[in-house]
Amino acid sequence: MLSACASAPFQRERLKAADRFAVVGFELIRKGPIDASLGGLLSPTESGGFGKAAKVEKTEHASAVYRASLEGMNRSLGWKTLRYEELAKQPAYVAAHKERMSGFRSLPTIPEGFVIHHAGDLMDWGAVERMDEAQRARLAKDLKASALVLLSLQVEPLKEGLAGLVGGAKFKPQATLRLRVYAQDGKEILWDVSNLRGEAAEGDVKIVGGAENNRGVDALILEASRKTWPQLGERYRAEPSKN
């Protein structure tokens, strides 16, 4: 069942006409690091919360989720996206990242116990959203992009109880997607989707502490993020269009 809403008119034909999408803003919001006790499973050692500045980390896991998201867009929506390796070496993007992601910057408030994960040298949602129209238009022109995309994924690794394996727990993480597509002019929004929830992933994770444990949770979260794309593809085909 889809759970999404659009706050701007959906323009399918203009999206279909776009031949180069650049996902220029990305963030993964997920629970803080897990500890070795079942009672403290997925408890943060430090976190932001509503009314608190969010904690931010740059992680390889977020980069893996970003790359999987590009694949999901291409497959489920039929879009041609600019690869991370191409985007990150573009002088215009490098300059925008340096300007927008360094020094003092406003951070969002997020649910307590969650952490914002950044992927490589990518800007986050807020950095691009706070650009003015002319700056976004200039970035789109420099990247030769037909549209600029912002993507945020929030994953809740829901613990379901003890698993069959000794010292393990069963998880059903579920990802909620938010996506915005700006036209080449940097002003008009072609699609704005929020609160689209994918199907849950499911698996057992051995709780012994350490990196191996975290890798098990990471793999489930990556799978949960992948499950949002078929849902978005269904939304894309069913959404009433302005044009």
Foldseek 3Di string as FASTA:
>chain_A
DWDKDWPAFAALVLQVVWAEEEAQAEKEKEFADAAQDPVRGSAHPDAFAVVGAGAEEEDQLRQLLVQLVCVLCCVLVVYHYDDPVLQCPQPLSVVLLVVQVDDDDGGDHDHPRMHMYDYDSGHHPVSLVPDDLQSQLVSCVSSVGQKYKHKYKYKYFAWPAADPDPQKTKTWIKIWMWMWIGGSSSPDTNTTMGRTIFGTFIDMAHRRDDDNRVVVVSVRRSVNSSRSSNVVSVCSVPPDHPD
